[in-house]
N, C-alpha and C. Protein backbone atom coordinates (compact mmCIF):
# COMPACT_ATOMS: atom_id res chain seq x y z
N UNK A 1 22.37 43.65 -77.81
CA UNK A 1 22.57 42.54 -76.99
C UNK A 1 22.99 41.34 -78.07
N UNK A 2 24.11 40.77 -77.61
CA UNK A 2 24.77 39.53 -78.41
C UNK A 2 24.09 38.23 -77.97
N UNK A 3 23.71 37.35 -78.77
CA UNK A 3 23.12 36.27 -78.42
C UNK A 3 24.40 35.05 -78.05
N UNK A 4 25.55 35.36 -78.77
CA UNK A 4 26.28 34.22 -78.77
C UNK A 4 27.51 34.97 -77.80
N UNK A 5 27.75 34.30 -76.77
CA UNK A 5 28.81 34.83 -75.61
C UNK A 5 30.20 34.89 -76.15
N UNK A 6 30.49 34.15 -77.14
CA UNK A 6 31.77 34.10 -77.82
C UNK A 6 32.02 35.39 -78.70
N UNK A 7 30.72 36.02 -79.02
CA UNK A 7 30.89 37.18 -79.94
C UNK A 7 31.06 38.48 -79.06
N UNK A 8 30.83 38.30 -77.98
CA UNK A 8 30.82 39.53 -77.14
C UNK A 8 32.47 40.30 -76.91
N UNK A 9 32.48 41.43 -77.48
CA UNK A 9 33.78 42.21 -77.25
C UNK A 9 33.38 43.38 -76.34
N UNK A 10 34.36 43.98 -76.18
CA UNK A 10 34.33 45.01 -75.14
C UNK A 10 33.95 46.19 -76.09
N UNK A 11 32.72 46.73 -76.00
CA UNK A 11 32.37 47.78 -76.87
C UNK A 11 32.51 49.16 -76.22
N UNK A 12 32.99 49.43 -75.08
CA UNK A 12 33.17 50.67 -74.36
C UNK A 12 34.37 51.11 -74.98
N UNK A 13 34.10 52.51 -75.40
CA UNK A 13 35.11 53.39 -76.00
C UNK A 13 36.17 53.69 -74.95
N UNK A 14 37.33 53.96 -75.53
CA UNK A 14 38.08 54.44 -74.39
C UNK A 14 37.82 55.87 -74.06
N UNK A 15 38.49 56.30 -72.99
CA UNK A 15 38.18 57.74 -72.54
C UNK A 15 38.72 58.64 -73.54
N UNK A 16 37.97 59.71 -73.95
CA UNK A 16 38.43 60.52 -75.03
C UNK A 16 38.39 60.05 -76.61
N UNK A 17 37.83 58.98 -76.55
CA UNK A 17 37.84 58.20 -78.02
C UNK A 17 36.82 58.98 -78.69
N UNK A 18 37.01 59.01 -80.23
CA UNK A 18 36.00 59.63 -81.15
C UNK A 18 35.66 58.51 -82.05
N UNK A 19 34.20 58.76 -82.74
CA UNK A 19 34.01 57.58 -83.64
C UNK A 19 35.01 57.41 -84.64
N UNK A 20 35.61 58.27 -84.94
CA UNK A 20 36.87 58.24 -86.07
C UNK A 20 37.79 57.21 -85.34
N UNK A 21 38.02 57.20 -84.14
CA UNK A 21 39.05 56.26 -83.43
C UNK A 21 38.63 54.80 -83.44
N UNK A 22 37.06 54.59 -83.22
CA UNK A 22 36.88 53.25 -83.48
C UNK A 22 36.72 52.75 -84.86
N UNK A 23 36.60 53.58 -85.80
CA UNK A 23 36.65 53.26 -87.06
C UNK A 23 38.30 52.73 -87.65
N UNK A 24 39.16 53.58 -87.23
CA UNK A 24 40.47 53.27 -87.20
C UNK A 24 40.93 52.01 -86.66
N UNK A 25 40.37 51.89 -85.32
CA UNK A 25 40.38 50.31 -84.63
C UNK A 25 39.96 49.25 -85.42
N UNK A 26 38.92 49.47 -86.08
CA UNK A 26 38.29 48.54 -87.03
C UNK A 26 39.35 48.15 -88.16
N UNK A 27 39.98 49.07 -88.86
CA UNK A 27 40.87 48.82 -89.88
C UNK A 27 42.04 48.23 -89.45
N UNK A 28 42.63 48.37 -88.22
CA UNK A 28 43.82 47.85 -87.67
C UNK A 28 43.33 46.41 -87.53
N UNK A 29 42.22 45.92 -87.08
CA UNK A 29 41.90 44.59 -86.82
C UNK A 29 41.55 43.89 -88.11
N UNK A 30 41.59 44.42 -89.08
CA UNK A 30 41.33 43.89 -90.60
C UNK A 30 39.90 44.11 -91.13
N UNK A 31 39.17 44.74 -90.28
CA UNK A 31 37.75 44.85 -90.61
C UNK A 31 37.94 46.39 -91.35
N UNK A 32 37.14 46.39 -92.87
CA UNK A 32 37.16 47.59 -93.27
C UNK A 32 36.19 48.63 -92.78
N UNK A 33 36.58 49.76 -92.53
CA UNK A 33 35.62 50.89 -91.76
C UNK A 33 34.45 51.26 -92.53
N UNK A 34 33.17 51.21 -92.32
CA UNK A 34 32.12 51.52 -92.87
C UNK A 34 31.39 52.59 -92.27
N UNK A 35 31.10 53.73 -92.97
CA UNK A 35 30.55 54.78 -92.49
C UNK A 35 28.94 54.40 -92.67
N UNK A 36 28.12 55.03 -91.72
CA UNK A 36 26.69 54.76 -91.77
C UNK A 36 26.16 55.37 -93.07
N UNK A 37 25.40 54.80 -93.83
CA UNK A 37 24.78 55.68 -95.10
C UNK A 37 24.30 57.23 -94.95
N UNK A 38 24.01 57.48 -93.65
CA UNK A 38 23.35 58.83 -93.52
C UNK A 38 24.72 59.49 -93.71
N UNK A 39 25.80 59.25 -93.15
CA UNK A 39 26.99 60.16 -93.06
C UNK A 39 27.95 60.07 -94.50
N UNK A 40 27.75 58.87 -95.13
CA UNK A 40 28.68 58.77 -96.28
C UNK A 40 28.16 59.70 -97.32
N UNK A 41 26.61 60.15 -97.22
CA UNK A 41 26.13 61.00 -98.30
C UNK A 41 26.14 62.25 -98.16
N UNK A 42 26.63 62.58 -96.91
CA UNK A 42 26.71 64.27 -96.49
C UNK A 42 27.70 64.96 -97.65
N UNK A 43 26.94 66.16 -98.16
CA UNK A 43 27.94 66.87 -98.82
C UNK A 43 28.47 68.17 -97.89
N UNK A 44 29.62 68.59 -98.11
CA UNK A 44 30.28 69.70 -97.15
C UNK A 44 29.65 70.88 -97.83
N UNK A 45 29.06 71.88 -97.05
CA UNK A 45 28.39 73.09 -97.57
C UNK A 45 29.47 74.27 -96.91
N UNK A 46 29.48 75.33 -97.35
CA UNK A 46 30.07 76.36 -96.58
C UNK A 46 29.04 76.99 -95.40
N UNK A 47 29.81 77.01 -94.29
CA UNK A 47 28.91 77.75 -93.07
C UNK A 47 29.34 78.94 -92.86
N UNK A 48 28.47 79.77 -92.12
CA UNK A 48 28.87 81.30 -91.80
C UNK A 48 29.63 80.96 -90.33
N UNK A 49 30.17 82.32 -89.96
CA UNK A 49 30.84 82.27 -88.83
C UNK A 49 30.20 81.73 -87.51
N UNK A 50 28.84 81.52 -87.56
CA UNK A 50 28.25 81.03 -86.40
C UNK A 50 28.00 79.54 -86.66
N UNK A 51 28.56 78.97 -87.82
CA UNK A 51 28.37 77.46 -88.12
C UNK A 51 27.03 77.66 -88.78
N UNK A 52 26.43 78.30 -89.20
CA UNK A 52 25.06 78.30 -89.85
C UNK A 52 25.33 78.13 -91.26
N UNK A 53 24.61 77.35 -91.88
CA UNK A 53 24.58 77.12 -93.23
C UNK A 53 24.44 78.49 -94.10
N UNK A 54 25.65 78.80 -95.06
CA UNK A 54 25.57 79.97 -95.46
C UNK A 54 25.64 79.71 -97.14
N UNK A 55 24.67 78.81 -97.65
CA UNK A 55 24.87 78.49 -98.98
C UNK A 55 24.34 79.75 -99.70
N UNK A 56 24.58 79.91 -100.88
CA UNK A 56 24.26 81.07 -101.69
C UNK A 56 22.54 81.31 -101.66
N UNK A 57 22.33 82.43 -101.52
CA UNK A 57 20.77 82.91 -101.51
C UNK A 57 20.18 82.91 -102.76
N UNK A 58 18.78 82.47 -102.76
CA UNK A 58 18.25 82.33 -103.97
C UNK A 58 17.58 83.78 -104.41
N UNK A 59 17.25 84.13 -105.91
CA UNK A 59 16.80 85.55 -106.20
C UNK A 59 15.72 85.85 -105.01
N UNK A 60 14.82 84.94 -104.69
CA UNK A 60 13.76 85.67 -103.75
C UNK A 60 14.34 85.86 -102.31
N UNK A 61 15.36 85.01 -101.95
CA UNK A 61 16.07 85.36 -100.49
C UNK A 61 16.72 86.61 -100.68
N UNK A 62 17.32 86.77 -101.80
CA UNK A 62 18.19 88.21 -102.08
C UNK A 62 17.48 89.42 -101.93
N UNK A 63 16.10 89.14 -102.67
CA UNK A 63 15.11 90.36 -102.48
C UNK A 63 14.70 90.41 -100.90
N UNK A 64 14.54 89.48 -100.01
CA UNK A 64 14.10 89.59 -98.86
C UNK A 64 15.25 90.38 -97.93
N UNK A 65 16.44 89.98 -98.22
CA UNK A 65 17.59 90.43 -97.47
C UNK A 65 17.93 92.02 -98.02
N UNK A 66 17.59 92.41 -99.20
CA UNK A 66 17.42 93.83 -99.58
C UNK A 66 16.54 94.71 -98.65
N UNK A 67 15.25 94.10 -98.63
CA UNK A 67 14.30 94.61 -97.77
C UNK A 67 14.74 94.92 -96.60
N UNK A 68 15.26 93.83 -95.93
CA UNK A 68 16.00 94.05 -94.62
C UNK A 68 16.90 94.86 -94.46
N UNK A 69 17.77 95.09 -95.34
CA UNK A 69 18.77 96.12 -95.41
C UNK A 69 18.25 97.55 -95.62
N UNK A 70 17.05 97.70 -96.43
CA UNK A 70 16.34 98.84 -96.48
C UNK A 70 15.82 99.35 -95.00
N UNK A 71 15.29 98.45 -94.34
CA UNK A 71 14.62 98.67 -93.18
C UNK A 71 16.00 99.16 -92.15
N UNK A 72 16.91 98.42 -92.27
CA UNK A 72 18.20 98.83 -91.17
C UNK A 72 18.64 100.20 -91.65
N UNK A 73 18.64 100.66 -93.08
CA UNK A 73 19.06 101.76 -93.46
C UNK A 73 18.08 103.01 -92.87
N UNK A 74 17.02 102.71 -92.99
CA UNK A 74 15.79 103.62 -92.38
C UNK A 74 16.03 103.88 -91.17
N UNK A 75 16.34 102.84 -90.28
CA UNK A 75 16.87 102.99 -88.67
C UNK A 75 17.67 104.09 -88.53
N UNK A 76 18.68 103.84 -89.56
CA UNK A 76 20.06 104.63 -89.42
C UNK A 76 19.79 105.98 -89.65
N UNK A 77 18.83 106.54 -90.68
CA UNK A 77 18.65 107.75 -91.13
C UNK A 77 17.87 108.67 -89.97
N UNK A 78 17.19 107.79 -88.99
CA UNK A 78 16.69 108.51 -87.92
C UNK A 78 17.33 108.41 -86.83
N UNK A 79 18.64 108.07 -86.93
CA UNK A 79 19.79 108.14 -85.97
C UNK A 79 19.64 107.15 -84.84
N UNK A 80 19.07 105.96 -85.34
CA UNK A 80 18.95 104.75 -84.52
C UNK A 80 20.27 104.25 -84.30
N UNK A 81 20.45 103.54 -83.00
CA UNK A 81 21.65 103.01 -82.70
C UNK A 81 21.64 101.70 -82.61
N UNK A 82 22.82 100.89 -82.36
CA UNK A 82 22.92 99.57 -82.11
C UNK A 82 22.30 98.59 -83.09
N UNK A 83 22.44 99.12 -84.36
CA UNK A 83 21.42 98.43 -85.32
C UNK A 83 21.89 96.98 -85.79
N UNK A 84 21.16 96.01 -85.83
CA UNK A 84 21.53 94.58 -85.79
C UNK A 84 20.53 93.90 -86.52
N UNK A 85 21.18 93.01 -87.44
CA UNK A 85 20.28 92.35 -88.51
C UNK A 85 20.75 90.66 -87.98
N UNK A 86 19.94 89.74 -87.71
CA UNK A 86 19.88 88.50 -87.33
C UNK A 86 19.26 87.58 -88.42
N UNK A 87 19.96 86.58 -88.82
CA UNK A 87 19.29 85.74 -89.73
C UNK A 87 18.85 84.49 -88.92
N UNK A 88 17.44 84.32 -88.94
CA UNK A 88 16.74 83.10 -88.25
C UNK A 88 16.63 81.91 -89.12
N UNK A 89 16.89 81.82 -90.27
CA UNK A 89 16.37 80.73 -91.05
C UNK A 89 16.77 79.39 -90.56
N UNK A 90 17.75 79.16 -89.89
CA UNK A 90 18.45 77.93 -89.37
C UNK A 90 17.79 77.57 -88.01
N UNK A 91 17.07 78.53 -87.63
CA UNK A 91 16.54 78.36 -85.95
C UNK A 91 15.05 78.20 -86.03
N UNK A 92 14.41 79.00 -86.74
CA UNK A 92 12.90 78.87 -86.65
C UNK A 92 12.20 78.98 -87.91
N UNK A 93 11.00 78.95 -88.14
CA UNK A 93 10.26 78.98 -89.38
C UNK A 93 9.31 80.12 -89.53
N UNK A 94 9.17 80.81 -88.35
CA UNK A 94 8.33 81.80 -88.29
C UNK A 94 8.57 83.19 -89.05
N UNK A 95 9.90 83.52 -89.10
CA UNK A 95 10.32 84.62 -89.88
C UNK A 95 11.97 84.21 -90.20
N UNK A 96 12.37 84.99 -91.29
CA UNK A 96 13.76 84.76 -91.79
C UNK A 96 14.77 85.67 -90.96
N UNK A 97 14.46 86.90 -90.64
CA UNK A 97 15.23 87.89 -90.12
C UNK A 97 14.64 88.66 -89.04
N UNK A 98 15.51 89.19 -88.13
CA UNK A 98 14.88 90.19 -87.14
C UNK A 98 16.13 91.55 -87.45
N UNK A 99 15.40 92.66 -87.63
CA UNK A 99 16.11 93.82 -87.63
C UNK A 99 15.95 94.42 -86.26
N UNK A 100 17.10 94.83 -85.60
CA UNK A 100 17.06 95.27 -84.26
C UNK A 100 17.62 96.73 -84.18
N UNK A 101 17.02 97.68 -83.71
CA UNK A 101 17.44 99.03 -83.46
C UNK A 101 16.95 99.69 -82.01
N UNK A 102 17.87 100.72 -81.77
CA UNK A 102 17.54 101.39 -80.36
C UNK A 102 17.36 102.83 -80.57
N UNK A 103 16.63 103.44 -80.00
CA UNK A 103 16.23 105.05 -79.92
C UNK A 103 16.53 105.45 -78.63
N UNK A 104 16.78 106.71 -78.43
CA UNK A 104 16.95 107.29 -77.12
C UNK A 104 15.59 107.84 -76.72
N UNK A 105 14.62 107.63 -77.31
CA UNK A 105 13.42 108.16 -76.41
C UNK A 105 12.07 107.44 -77.29
N UNK A 106 11.25 107.64 -76.67
CA UNK A 106 9.84 106.76 -77.34
C UNK A 106 9.59 107.68 -78.76
N UNK A 107 9.80 108.86 -78.71
CA UNK A 107 9.60 109.79 -79.97
C UNK A 107 10.39 109.36 -80.96
N UNK A 108 11.69 109.04 -80.61
CA UNK A 108 12.61 108.76 -81.82
C UNK A 108 12.11 107.23 -82.45
N UNK A 109 12.04 106.34 -81.18
CA UNK A 109 11.58 105.02 -81.92
C UNK A 109 10.34 105.18 -82.78
N UNK A 110 9.52 105.88 -82.42
CA UNK A 110 8.30 106.23 -83.38
C UNK A 110 8.65 106.61 -84.80
N UNK A 111 9.53 107.75 -84.49
CA UNK A 111 9.98 108.32 -85.89
C UNK A 111 10.84 107.23 -86.63
N UNK A 112 11.66 106.32 -86.14
CA UNK A 112 12.21 105.16 -86.63
C UNK A 112 11.20 104.13 -87.39
N UNK A 113 10.23 103.97 -86.59
CA UNK A 113 9.19 103.22 -87.34
C UNK A 113 8.63 103.65 -88.38
N UNK A 114 8.22 105.08 -88.36
CA UNK A 114 7.52 105.67 -89.27
C UNK A 114 8.57 105.76 -90.65
N UNK A 115 9.73 105.72 -90.50
CA UNK A 115 10.87 105.78 -91.55
C UNK A 115 10.88 104.49 -92.11
N UNK A 116 10.74 103.35 -91.41
CA UNK A 116 11.04 102.00 -91.76
C UNK A 116 9.58 101.69 -92.77
N UNK A 117 8.63 102.19 -92.32
CA UNK A 117 7.44 101.85 -93.08
C UNK A 117 7.12 102.62 -94.23
N UNK A 118 7.79 103.80 -94.14
CA UNK A 118 7.81 104.76 -95.41
C UNK A 118 8.73 104.12 -96.43
N UNK A 119 9.97 103.78 -96.08
CA UNK A 119 10.93 103.27 -97.08
C UNK A 119 10.60 102.10 -97.57
N UNK A 120 9.96 101.25 -96.77
CA UNK A 120 9.52 99.75 -97.44
C UNK A 120 8.26 100.16 -98.37
N UNK A 121 7.50 101.11 -97.98
CA UNK A 121 6.18 101.40 -98.59
C UNK A 121 6.44 101.69 -100.07
N UNK A 122 7.58 102.39 -100.13
CA UNK A 122 7.95 102.96 -101.52
C UNK A 122 8.21 101.87 -102.47
N UNK A 123 8.47 100.58 -101.90
CA UNK A 123 8.73 99.64 -102.79
C UNK A 123 7.85 98.56 -102.78
N UNK A 124 6.46 98.98 -102.36
CA UNK A 124 5.35 98.39 -102.19
C UNK A 124 5.57 97.06 -101.19
N UNK A 125 5.98 97.24 -100.12
CA UNK A 125 6.40 96.49 -99.23
C UNK A 125 5.63 96.97 -97.93
N UNK A 126 4.40 96.16 -97.45
CA UNK A 126 3.80 96.82 -96.34
C UNK A 126 3.67 95.76 -94.96
N UNK A 127 3.57 96.19 -93.93
CA UNK A 127 3.60 95.46 -92.61
C UNK A 127 2.40 94.68 -92.68
N UNK A 128 2.48 93.33 -92.08
CA UNK A 128 1.34 92.50 -91.89
C UNK A 128 0.70 93.00 -90.53
N UNK A 129 1.43 93.44 -89.53
CA UNK A 129 0.95 94.07 -88.18
C UNK A 129 2.03 94.86 -87.52
N UNK A 130 1.60 95.69 -86.83
CA UNK A 130 2.51 96.58 -86.04
C UNK A 130 1.99 96.48 -84.57
N UNK A 131 2.78 96.59 -83.38
CA UNK A 131 2.50 96.37 -82.19
C UNK A 131 3.32 97.54 -81.38
N UNK A 132 2.69 98.08 -80.27
CA UNK A 132 3.59 98.83 -79.62
C UNK A 132 3.84 100.36 -79.86
N UNK A 133 3.42 100.71 -81.09
CA UNK A 133 3.51 102.18 -81.63
C UNK A 133 3.29 103.15 -80.47
N UNK A 134 2.01 102.94 -79.82
CA UNK A 134 1.42 104.05 -79.05
C UNK A 134 2.44 104.10 -77.65
N UNK A 135 2.97 103.16 -77.25
CA UNK A 135 3.74 103.48 -75.97
C UNK A 135 5.26 103.51 -76.33
N UNK A 136 5.72 102.99 -77.38
CA UNK A 136 6.89 103.13 -78.26
C UNK A 136 8.24 102.74 -77.50
N UNK A 137 7.87 101.78 -76.29
CA UNK A 137 9.02 101.30 -75.58
C UNK A 137 9.77 100.25 -76.58
N UNK A 138 8.85 99.39 -77.06
CA UNK A 138 9.13 98.31 -77.97
C UNK A 138 8.33 98.28 -79.15
N UNK A 139 8.52 98.74 -80.38
CA UNK A 139 7.65 98.60 -81.43
C UNK A 139 8.10 97.56 -82.23
N UNK A 140 7.15 96.72 -82.46
CA UNK A 140 7.39 95.45 -83.39
C UNK A 140 6.84 95.75 -84.80
N UNK A 141 7.38 95.54 -85.76
CA UNK A 141 6.75 95.74 -87.38
C UNK A 141 6.97 94.35 -87.72
N UNK A 142 5.77 93.66 -88.01
CA UNK A 142 6.00 92.52 -88.53
C UNK A 142 5.67 92.36 -90.20
N UNK A 143 6.74 92.09 -90.98
CA UNK A 143 6.71 91.84 -92.66
C UNK A 143 6.56 90.63 -92.88
N UNK A 144 6.36 89.43 -92.07
CA UNK A 144 6.31 88.15 -92.40
C UNK A 144 7.46 87.68 -92.72
N UNK A 145 8.33 88.02 -93.60
CA UNK A 145 9.72 87.24 -93.74
C UNK A 145 10.72 87.99 -92.77
N UNK A 146 10.36 89.08 -92.43
CA UNK A 146 11.12 89.44 -91.16
C UNK A 146 10.57 90.61 -90.51
N UNK A 147 10.93 90.90 -89.27
CA UNK A 147 10.28 91.54 -88.38
C UNK A 147 11.39 92.57 -87.61
N UNK A 148 11.00 93.73 -87.64
CA UNK A 148 11.64 94.85 -87.07
C UNK A 148 11.16 95.03 -85.67
N UNK A 149 12.38 95.14 -84.91
CA UNK A 149 12.25 95.51 -83.34
C UNK A 149 13.07 96.73 -83.04
N UNK A 150 12.18 97.74 -82.64
CA UNK A 150 12.70 99.14 -82.32
C UNK A 150 12.50 99.19 -80.87
N UNK A 151 13.35 99.63 -80.01
CA UNK A 151 13.47 99.78 -78.46
C UNK A 151 13.91 101.00 -78.04
N UNK A 152 13.53 101.45 -76.96
CA UNK A 152 14.14 102.50 -76.12
C UNK A 152 15.33 101.69 -75.54
N UNK A 153 16.28 102.30 -74.93
CA UNK A 153 17.54 101.68 -74.44
C UNK A 153 17.27 100.76 -73.29
N UNK A 154 16.28 101.06 -72.41
CA UNK A 154 15.90 100.39 -71.43
C UNK A 154 15.17 99.25 -71.69
N UNK A 155 14.40 99.08 -72.42
CA UNK A 155 13.60 98.20 -73.08
C UNK A 155 14.40 97.10 -73.67
N UNK A 156 15.40 97.70 -74.54
CA UNK A 156 16.40 96.67 -75.17
C UNK A 156 17.25 95.97 -74.29
N UNK A 157 17.53 96.63 -73.27
CA UNK A 157 18.43 95.79 -72.04
C UNK A 157 17.59 94.83 -71.50
N UNK A 158 16.33 95.24 -71.28
CA UNK A 158 15.30 94.21 -70.60
C UNK A 158 15.10 93.02 -71.31
N UNK A 159 14.69 93.25 -72.59
CA UNK A 159 14.26 92.07 -73.37
C UNK A 159 15.43 91.16 -73.92
N UNK A 160 16.45 92.14 -74.39
CA UNK A 160 17.64 91.29 -74.61
C UNK A 160 17.59 90.25 -75.75
N UNK A 161 17.12 90.71 -76.77
CA UNK A 161 16.79 89.69 -77.85
C UNK A 161 18.14 89.14 -78.51
N UNK A 162 19.12 89.64 -78.43
CA UNK A 162 20.49 89.24 -78.97
C UNK A 162 20.73 88.05 -78.02
N UNK A 163 20.59 88.05 -76.80
CA UNK A 163 20.90 87.11 -75.97
C UNK A 163 19.97 85.60 -76.14
N UNK A 164 18.66 86.14 -76.29
CA UNK A 164 17.47 85.03 -76.66
C UNK A 164 17.89 84.27 -78.12
N UNK A 165 18.46 85.07 -79.07
CA UNK A 165 18.67 84.58 -80.23
C UNK A 165 20.21 84.53 -80.64
N UNK A 166 20.97 84.08 -79.56
CA UNK A 166 22.45 84.03 -79.81
C UNK A 166 22.89 83.31 -80.76
N UNK A 167 22.26 82.33 -81.10
CA UNK A 167 22.56 81.34 -82.18
C UNK A 167 22.45 81.75 -83.59
N UNK A 168 21.64 82.80 -83.62
CA UNK A 168 21.48 83.46 -85.00
C UNK A 168 22.71 84.03 -85.43
N UNK A 169 22.83 83.90 -86.91
CA UNK A 169 23.97 84.49 -87.67
C UNK A 169 23.54 86.00 -87.69
N UNK A 170 24.71 86.78 -87.52
CA UNK A 170 24.71 88.31 -87.60
C UNK A 170 25.19 88.45 -88.90
N UNK A 171 24.32 89.31 -89.59
CA UNK A 171 24.52 89.87 -90.97
C UNK A 171 25.07 91.49 -90.99
N UNK A 172 26.08 91.63 -91.59
CA UNK A 172 26.67 93.03 -91.79
C UNK A 172 25.86 93.77 -92.56
């Protein structure tokens, strides 16, 4: 609100105008455009295909990603299908990655779970918690920094984690 009526200007932006347009308008009127301090100090950083920050990984993050890839490889060794790795670091703090895989039967999802835990145990990485092994429709293996989700085809379609976490970066 302006106290002096003589100082009131039409501050309504034109339809389709952007903040940059108003800065250019200031320059045309003889006022030098000033970016807010928070915007003038932003550095450009590379972003991934989903717009997620893809700054270089620290050695610790590289080690975690190698464990994630080892889990995905273990799923493929047991003929798991639709294997997907999602990076969640920009979206949540409870874990960094999801590894998702599908089996054609409950017995196959159990075999994939056994292979994941065996392959990671070889490098002294043990799960914090496992759920769903007995019924094997959806087996969740929580390693803290990443979570492995193994589904039967029906359960994967029903829970549709890819849709729920669609903003996550997909890792090849």
